[in-house]
Amino acid sequence: MKTDVLPDNPYVLLTPGPLSTTKTVKAAMLRDWCTWDNEYNEIVQGIRSRLVQLAGENTDAYTAVLMQGSGTFCVESVIGSALPQDGKLLVLTNGAYGQRIVQMACMLGIETIAVDSGEITPVDIERMEEYLRQDASITHVAVVHTETTTGMLNPIADVGRVAKAYDKRFIVDAMSSFGGIAIDVLKLGADFLISSANKCIQGVPGFGFIIAHRDALAECQGRARSLSLDLYDQWKTMEEQNGKWRFTSPTHVVRAFDQALRELEEEGGIERREARYRSNQRTLVEGMEQIGFCTLLEKQSQSPIITSFYYPDSPLFTFEEFYDRLKVKGFVIYPGKITVADTFRIGSIGDVYPEDMERLVEAVKQNRFW
């Protein structure tokens, strides 16, 4: 399905989420639902089941928990529920979202080690292993799969292999990758995998979800440092009350997500969606390079989710004017987020296709002002 630029939807969102959604996903929100209604709760249960199925093969040991709020709420629910009072967290960071995990852990009073590799280098697995070898008190390891600060795709399979070699619980922030890049939680050894409704599944903002190994989730009982973000209690309520949320759920968003899951299946599943996203990103980069732009990351580190470009080498260029000109032409892009270079970012996910990228490149070409 192709995104149309309509009067009530005047631009294509080329961001890492929220993102452009189909008319049918938006239309799914036109009906009101009661949170106690069995029909609604059956939708919730169906979503939970399908999420686990999307997480790879042999996932019988896993379950899914839905949590109100943005993806950050879900990450904090895992950090605040999974770590025991005497636990110790090692976080591999190379961008703002890894650093956010460190920040929330510190605010929760959790002893934390940040293994930082800068903003444009993959996470440092050798240093991680050194810490694990020297410090047996580390209980959990966390990493961001797609660091949308830059577009970096981190090697989570290698991180998981080392974490499991030292018998650590493994937390994967797959916020911007799940549903758009094939992930097998069992092969990764992931105990908790976290994502959000408004990313690659192509729903709208309002809740996120955690795909958790049942053994790791059972350990969370009584550990939560927050009432509303108690991951175990949220799961237990959903299990025992047929999909009921503990507190008011975002009913319209849930129904839109159910529709988005159906559309993912109709597209051919994660494999086909990943192929489209990769085609989007390749079309974007090839077109931008032809008109003189350079990418921030090397190709081997680049995700198909979002791409960072250097500013043009001209004193006349300002991101604000560039942004405004593209918005008038029907495209919304993202500012840069790193400190070592002036960059902007363009997302490749959502109800977006290679022809949208071709139109974007043409709009950039026609609106050159530097």
Protein backbone atom coordinates (compact mmCIF):
# COMPACT_ATOMS: atom_id res chain seq x y z
CA MET A 1 0.00 0.00 0.00
CA LYS A 2 1.35 3.37 -1.05
CA THR A 3 1.21 6.42 1.19
CA ASP A 4 -0.76 9.26 -0.40
CA VAL A 5 -0.05 12.85 0.57
CA LEU A 6 -3.57 14.06 1.40
CA PRO A 7 -4.94 17.34 2.81
CA ASP A 8 -5.47 15.65 6.20
CA ASN A 9 -2.05 13.97 6.01
CA PRO A 10 0.09 16.61 4.32
CA TYR A 11 3.47 14.94 4.64
CA VAL A 12 5.26 11.63 4.83
CA LEU A 13 7.00 11.09 8.18
CA LEU A 14 10.57 10.01 7.49
CA THR A 15 11.39 9.51 11.16
CA PRO A 16 12.11 6.46 13.35
CA GLY A 17 8.64 6.58 14.91
CA PRO A 18 6.00 7.90 15.12
CA LEU A 19 5.84 7.16 11.43
CA SER A 20 3.49 7.20 8.47
CA THR A 21 0.67 4.71 8.91
CA THR A 22 -1.89 3.32 6.47
CA LYS A 23 -5.42 4.67 6.18
CA THR A 24 -6.71 1.35 7.47
CA VAL A 25 -4.60 1.51 10.64
CA LYS A 26 -5.91 5.02 11.29
CA ALA A 27 -9.47 3.93 10.51
CA ALA A 28 -9.24 1.16 13.12
CA MET A 29 -9.26 3.86 15.82
CA LEU A 30 -12.72 5.14 14.88
CA ARG A 31 -14.54 2.70 17.17
CA ASP A 32 -14.72 3.00 20.96
CA TRP A 33 -13.96 0.00 23.18
CA CYS A 34 -14.60 -0.94 26.80
CA THR A 35 -11.54 -2.20 28.66
CA TRP A 36 -13.62 -4.85 30.45
CA ASP A 37 -15.22 -6.18 27.29
CA ASN A 38 -14.34 -9.77 26.36
CA GLU A 39 -14.10 -8.94 22.66
CA TYR A 40 -11.53 -6.23 23.37
CA ASN A 41 -9.53 -8.42 25.73
CA GLU A 42 -9.47 -11.19 23.14
CA ILE A 43 -7.82 -8.68 20.79
CA VAL A 44 -5.19 -8.06 23.47
CA GLN A 45 -4.56 -11.77 23.90
CA GLY A 46 -4.27 -12.22 20.15
CA ILE A 47 -1.70 -9.43 19.97
CA ARG A 48 0.35 -11.00 22.74
CA SER A 49 0.35 -14.37 21.04
CA ARG A 50 1.31 -12.99 17.63
CA LEU A 51 4.14 -10.91 19.06
CA VAL A 52 5.72 -14.02 20.54
CA GLN A 53 5.34 -15.80 17.21
CA LEU A 54 7.12 -12.91 15.47
CA ALA A 55 10.08 -13.28 17.84
CA GLY A 56 11.51 -16.32 16.10
CA GLU A 57 11.23 -20.08 16.20
CA ASN A 58 10.78 -22.25 19.29
CA THR A 59 9.41 -19.43 21.45
CA ASP A 60 7.28 -21.58 23.78
CA ALA A 61 9.36 -20.39 26.74
CA TYR A 62 8.48 -16.74 26.00
CA THR A 63 5.50 -14.53 26.71
CA ALA A 64 4.52 -10.95 25.85
CA VAL A 65 3.51 -8.12 28.16
CA LEU A 66 1.93 -4.88 26.92
CA MET A 67 2.66 -1.68 28.84
CA GLN A 68 1.05 1.78 28.58
CA GLY A 69 3.23 4.70 27.54
CA SER A 70 6.13 5.28 25.18
CA GLY A 71 8.93 2.82 24.53
CA THR A 72 10.99 4.45 27.26
CA PHE A 73 8.29 3.50 29.79
CA CYS A 74 8.72 -0.12 28.74
CA VAL A 75 12.50 -0.01 29.01
CA GLU A 76 12.19 1.47 32.50
CA SER A 77 9.66 -1.18 33.47
CA VAL A 78 12.20 -3.87 32.57
CA ILE A 79 15.15 -2.17 34.25
CA GLY A 80 13.13 -1.38 37.38
CA SER A 81 11.56 -4.86 37.60
CA ALA A 82 14.29 -7.22 36.40
CA LEU A 83 17.18 -5.99 38.54
CA PRO A 84 17.13 -7.19 42.17
CA GLN A 85 18.07 -4.79 44.94
CA ASP A 86 21.63 -6.15 44.94
CA GLY A 87 21.75 -6.45 41.14
CA LYS A 88 24.30 -4.77 38.91
CA LEU A 89 23.70 -3.67 35.34
CA LEU A 90 26.23 -3.40 32.53
CA VAL A 91 25.04 -1.24 29.62
CA LEU A 92 26.80 -1.10 26.27
CA THR A 93 26.31 2.41 24.88
CA ASN A 94 27.05 4.25 21.65
CA GLY A 95 24.29 6.82 21.54
CA ALA A 96 21.51 8.63 23.36
CA TYR A 97 19.27 5.60 23.89
CA GLY A 98 21.93 3.46 25.53
CA GLN A 99 22.78 6.45 27.70
CA ARG A 100 19.11 6.77 28.59
CA ILE A 101 19.15 3.22 30.00
CA VAL A 102 22.13 4.21 32.14
CA GLN A 103 20.32 7.34 33.31
CA MET A 104 17.14 5.51 34.31
CA ALA A 105 19.09 2.76 36.09
CA CYS A 106 21.02 5.34 38.09
CA MET A 107 17.82 7.19 39.02
CA LEU A 108 16.37 3.88 40.22
CA GLY A 109 19.37 3.37 42.48
CA ILE A 110 20.77 0.43 40.48
CA GLU A 111 24.53 0.00 40.42
CA THR A 112 25.47 0.48 36.78
CA ILE A 113 28.51 0.20 34.54
CA ALA A 114 28.42 2.05 31.21
CA VAL A 115 30.75 0.66 28.55
CA ASP A 116 30.74 3.51 26.06
CA SER A 117 32.28 3.33 22.60
CA GLY A 118 31.47 6.84 21.39
CA GLU A 119 28.78 7.84 18.94
CA ILE A 120 29.91 6.36 15.63
CA THR A 121 31.51 3.05 16.64
CA PRO A 122 29.72 -0.26 17.31
CA VAL A 123 29.47 -1.32 20.95
CA ASP A 124 32.69 -2.61 22.50
CA ILE A 125 32.24 -6.33 23.16
CA GLU A 126 35.86 -6.90 24.21
CA ARG A 127 35.60 -4.34 27.01
CA MET A 128 32.26 -5.83 27.99
CA GLU A 129 33.87 -9.25 28.37
CA GLU A 130 36.69 -7.78 30.43
CA TYR A 131 34.17 -6.38 32.88
CA LEU A 132 32.25 -9.66 33.04
CA ARG A 133 35.46 -11.59 33.60
CA GLN A 134 36.59 -9.33 36.43
CA ASP A 135 33.27 -8.56 38.15
CA ALA A 136 31.08 -11.51 39.06
CA SER A 137 28.56 -9.18 40.76
CA ILE A 138 27.21 -8.03 37.37
CA THR A 139 23.81 -9.69 36.95
CA HIS A 140 22.36 -8.13 33.79
CA VAL A 141 23.63 -6.85 30.43
CA ALA A 142 21.66 -4.37 28.28
CA VAL A 143 22.19 -3.06 24.75
CA VAL A 144 20.27 -1.10 22.11
CA HIS A 145 19.87 -2.99 18.83
CA THR A 146 19.33 -0.05 16.48
CA GLU A 147 20.76 3.12 17.99
CA THR A 148 18.66 5.70 16.16
CA THR A 149 20.94 8.49 17.40
CA THR A 150 22.94 7.66 14.29
CA GLY A 151 21.29 4.67 12.58
CA MET A 152 23.86 2.25 14.01
CA LEU A 153 22.99 -1.46 13.94
CA ASN A 154 24.71 -3.07 16.92
CA PRO A 155 25.87 -6.72 16.87
CA ILE A 156 23.40 -8.05 19.42
CA ALA A 157 24.09 -11.70 18.56
CA ASP A 158 27.71 -11.26 19.65
CA VAL A 159 26.66 -9.36 22.78
CA GLY A 160 24.20 -12.10 23.69
CA ARG A 161 26.74 -14.86 23.12
CA VAL A 162 29.17 -13.26 25.59
CA ALA A 163 26.46 -12.38 28.12
CA LYS A 164 25.24 -15.98 28.17
CA ALA A 165 28.77 -17.36 28.37
CA TYR A 166 28.95 -15.56 31.73
CA ASP A 167 25.41 -16.58 32.71
CA LYS A 168 23.95 -13.04 32.74
CA ARG A 169 20.40 -11.95 32.06
CA PHE A 170 20.31 -10.22 28.66
CA ILE A 171 18.11 -7.18 27.92
CA VAL A 172 17.68 -6.00 24.31
CA ASP A 173 16.19 -2.62 23.48
CA ALA A 174 14.80 -3.47 20.02
CA MET A 175 12.62 -0.39 19.96
CA SER A 176 13.30 0.61 16.37
CA SER A 177 14.09 -2.81 14.91
CA PHE A 178 11.52 -5.41 16.02
CA GLY A 179 9.13 -6.09 13.18
CA GLY A 180 11.49 -4.59 10.62
CA ILE A 181 14.56 -6.76 11.15
CA ALA A 182 14.37 -10.51 11.76
CA ILE A 183 15.17 -11.34 15.40
CA ASP A 184 15.17 -14.75 17.08
CA VAL A 185 15.02 -14.21 20.83
CA LEU A 186 15.96 -17.79 21.69
CA LYS A 187 19.05 -17.81 19.48
CA LEU A 188 20.06 -14.44 20.90
CA GLY A 189 19.62 -15.65 24.43
CA ALA A 190 17.51 -12.56 25.07
CA ASP A 191 15.66 -12.63 28.38
CA PHE A 192 13.82 -9.37 27.69
CA LEU A 193 13.24 -7.79 24.28
CA ILE A 194 11.53 -4.40 24.26
CA SER A 195 9.78 -2.52 21.46
CA SER A 196 6.94 -0.10 20.80
CA ALA A 197 3.66 0.03 18.89
CA ASN A 198 4.68 2.99 16.73
CA LYS A 199 7.83 1.56 15.15
CA CYS A 200 8.31 -1.20 12.57
CA ILE A 201 4.95 -2.87 13.20
CA GLN A 202 3.58 0.47 11.93
CA GLY A 203 1.02 1.20 14.63
CA VAL A 204 0.51 4.50 16.45
CA PRO A 205 2.00 5.75 19.74
CA GLY A 206 0.46 4.78 23.07
CA PHE A 207 1.94 1.54 24.32
CA GLY A 208 4.98 -0.71 24.05
CA PHE A 209 5.64 -4.34 24.70
CA ILE A 210 8.13 -6.70 26.26
CA ILE A 211 8.79 -10.20 24.99
CA ALA A 212 10.20 -12.01 28.00
CA HIS A 213 11.51 -15.45 28.87
CA ARG A 214 9.10 -16.84 31.42
CA ASP A 215 11.87 -17.84 33.84
CA ALA A 216 13.39 -14.36 33.77
CA LEU A 217 9.95 -12.79 34.16
CA ALA A 218 9.15 -14.99 37.17
CA GLU A 219 12.25 -13.60 38.90
CA CYS A 220 10.74 -10.10 38.67
CA GLN A 221 8.02 -10.82 41.24
CA GLY A 222 8.31 -8.34 44.11
CA ARG A 223 11.28 -6.48 42.61
CA ALA A 224 9.54 -3.53 40.92
CA ARG A 225 10.53 -0.05 42.00
CA SER A 226 7.31 1.43 40.59
CA LEU A 227 3.65 0.55 40.93
CA SER A 228 2.58 1.49 37.40
CA LEU A 229 5.70 0.02 35.77
CA ASP A 230 5.63 -3.30 37.62
CA LEU A 231 6.35 -5.68 34.75
CA TYR A 232 5.56 -8.89 36.64
CA ASP A 233 2.26 -7.61 38.00
CA GLN A 234 1.20 -6.37 34.56
CA TRP A 235 1.96 -9.79 33.08
CA LYS A 236 0.22 -11.67 35.89
CA THR A 237 -2.96 -9.62 35.47
CA MET A 238 -2.99 -10.19 31.71
CA GLU A 239 -2.43 -13.90 32.21
CA GLU A 240 -5.07 -14.40 34.88
CA GLN A 241 -7.74 -12.01 33.55
CA ASN A 242 -7.65 -12.88 29.84
CA GLY A 243 -5.81 -9.81 28.54
CA LYS A 244 -7.01 -7.28 31.10
CA TRP A 245 -4.57 -4.42 31.78
CA ARG A 246 -4.11 -3.35 35.41
CA PHE A 247 -4.90 0.27 34.63
CA THR A 248 -6.76 1.96 31.76
CA SER A 249 -5.37 0.76 28.45
CA PRO A 250 -5.07 2.84 25.24
CA THR A 251 -7.97 1.04 23.58
CA HIS A 252 -7.92 2.83 20.24
CA VAL A 253 -4.15 2.37 19.92
CA VAL A 254 -4.48 -1.33 20.72
CA ARG A 255 -7.07 -1.79 17.99
CA ALA A 256 -4.86 0.09 15.51
CA PHE A 257 -1.95 -2.16 16.46
CA ASP A 258 -4.05 -5.24 15.86
CA GLN A 259 -4.76 -3.94 12.36
CA ALA A 260 -1.08 -3.13 11.85
CA LEU A 261 -0.16 -6.72 12.75
CA ARG A 262 -2.64 -7.98 10.17
CA GLU A 263 -1.05 -5.74 7.55
CA LEU A 264 2.42 -6.99 8.47
CA GLU A 265 1.18 -10.53 7.85
CA GLU A 266 -0.43 -9.48 4.55
CA GLU A 267 2.84 -7.92 3.41
CA GLY A 268 4.57 -11.27 3.90
CA GLY A 269 5.91 -10.96 7.42
CA ILE A 270 9.10 -9.49 8.80
CA GLU A 271 11.29 -10.84 5.98
CA ARG A 272 9.33 -8.96 3.31
CA ARG A 273 9.05 -5.81 5.41
CA GLU A 274 12.79 -5.82 6.09
CA ALA A 275 13.41 -6.16 2.35
CA ARG A 276 11.23 -3.09 1.72
CA TYR A 277 12.97 -1.07 4.40
CA ARG A 278 16.37 -2.02 3.01
CA SER A 279 15.24 -1.03 -0.46
CA ASN A 280 13.99 2.29 0.92
CA GLN A 281 17.31 2.97 2.63
CA ARG A 282 19.39 1.93 -0.38
CA THR A 283 17.31 4.12 -2.73
CA LEU A 284 17.67 7.04 -0.32
CA VAL A 285 21.43 6.76 0.09
CA GLU A 286 22.17 6.22 -3.59
CA GLY A 287 20.05 9.23 -4.51
CA MET A 288 21.49 11.50 -1.83
CA GLU A 289 25.06 10.52 -2.70
CA GLN A 290 24.43 11.36 -6.34
CA ILE A 291 23.60 14.93 -5.36
CA GLY A 292 26.59 15.32 -3.06
CA PHE A 293 25.55 14.15 0.42
CA CYS A 294 27.68 11.81 2.55
CA THR A 295 26.49 9.33 5.17
CA LEU A 296 27.84 9.41 8.71
CA LEU A 297 28.28 5.65 9.16
CA GLU A 298 30.09 2.97 7.21
CA LYS A 299 27.76 0.61 5.34
CA GLN A 300 28.58 -2.39 7.54
CA SER A 301 27.28 -0.53 10.62
CA GLN A 302 24.24 1.06 8.99
CA SER A 303 20.74 -0.12 9.83
CA PRO A 304 17.84 0.02 7.36
CA ILE A 305 15.87 2.06 9.92
CA ILE A 306 17.31 5.58 9.79
CA THR A 307 20.34 7.17 8.12
CA SER A 308 22.46 10.11 9.27
CA PHE A 309 23.88 12.49 6.67
CA TYR A 310 26.54 15.16 7.11
CA TYR A 311 25.53 18.74 6.45
CA PRO A 312 26.67 20.06 3.07
CA ASP A 313 29.98 21.90 3.21
CA SER A 314 28.49 25.36 2.83
CA PRO A 315 28.03 28.28 5.25
CA LEU A 316 24.63 28.93 3.63
CA PHE A 317 23.14 25.63 4.80
CA THR A 318 20.88 25.61 7.84
CA PHE A 319 18.90 22.60 8.94
CA GLU A 320 15.90 24.76 9.80
CA GLU A 321 15.51 26.06 6.24
CA PHE A 322 16.21 22.61 4.79
CA TYR A 323 13.55 21.10 7.04
CA ASP A 324 10.97 23.77 6.21
CA ARG A 325 11.49 23.46 2.46
CA LEU A 326 11.09 19.67 2.56
CA LYS A 327 8.01 19.90 4.77
CA VAL A 328 6.32 22.14 2.21
CA LYS A 329 7.12 19.47 -0.39
CA GLY A 330 5.50 16.76 1.75
CA PHE A 331 8.36 15.26 3.77
CA VAL A 332 9.29 15.54 7.45
CA ILE A 333 12.83 14.53 8.42
CA TYR A 334 14.78 14.49 11.70
CA PRO A 335 17.53 16.74 13.06
CA GLY A 336 20.87 15.22 14.02
CA LYS A 337 21.52 14.00 17.54
CA ILE A 338 25.28 13.56 17.85
CA THR A 339 27.92 15.91 19.24
CA VAL A 340 30.91 15.09 17.00
CA ALA A 341 29.45 16.31 13.68
CA ASP A 342 26.64 18.36 12.17
CA THR A 343 24.13 15.87 10.78
CA PHE A 344 20.48 15.32 9.96
CA ARG A 345 18.59 12.01 9.79
CA ILE A 346 16.10 10.45 7.41
CA GLY A 347 14.05 7.41 8.38
CA SER A 348 13.22 4.50 6.05
CA ILE A 349 10.41 2.84 7.99
CA GLY A 350 6.64 3.10 8.10
CA ASP A 351 4.18 3.08 5.22
CA VAL A 352 6.99 4.30 2.96
CA TYR A 353 8.27 2.87 -0.33
CA PRO A 354 11.25 3.35 -2.67
CA GLU A 355 9.25 5.72 -4.87
CA ASP A 356 8.76 7.97 -1.82
CA MET A 357 12.54 8.09 -1.46
CA GLU A 358 12.92 8.96 -5.12
CA ARG A 359 10.44 11.82 -4.69
CA LEU A 360 12.32 13.01 -1.61
CA VAL A 361 15.67 13.07 -3.42
CA GLU A 362 14.07 15.02 -6.25
CA ALA A 363 12.64 17.50 -3.72
CA VAL A 364 16.10 17.95 -2.18
CA LYS A 365 17.59 18.50 -5.62
CA GLN A 366 14.99 21.09 -6.58
CA ASN A 367 15.21 22.98 -3.28
CA ARG A 368 18.98 23.37 -3.03
CA PHE A 369 19.67 26.78 -1.49
CA TRP A 370 23.31 26.44 -0.47
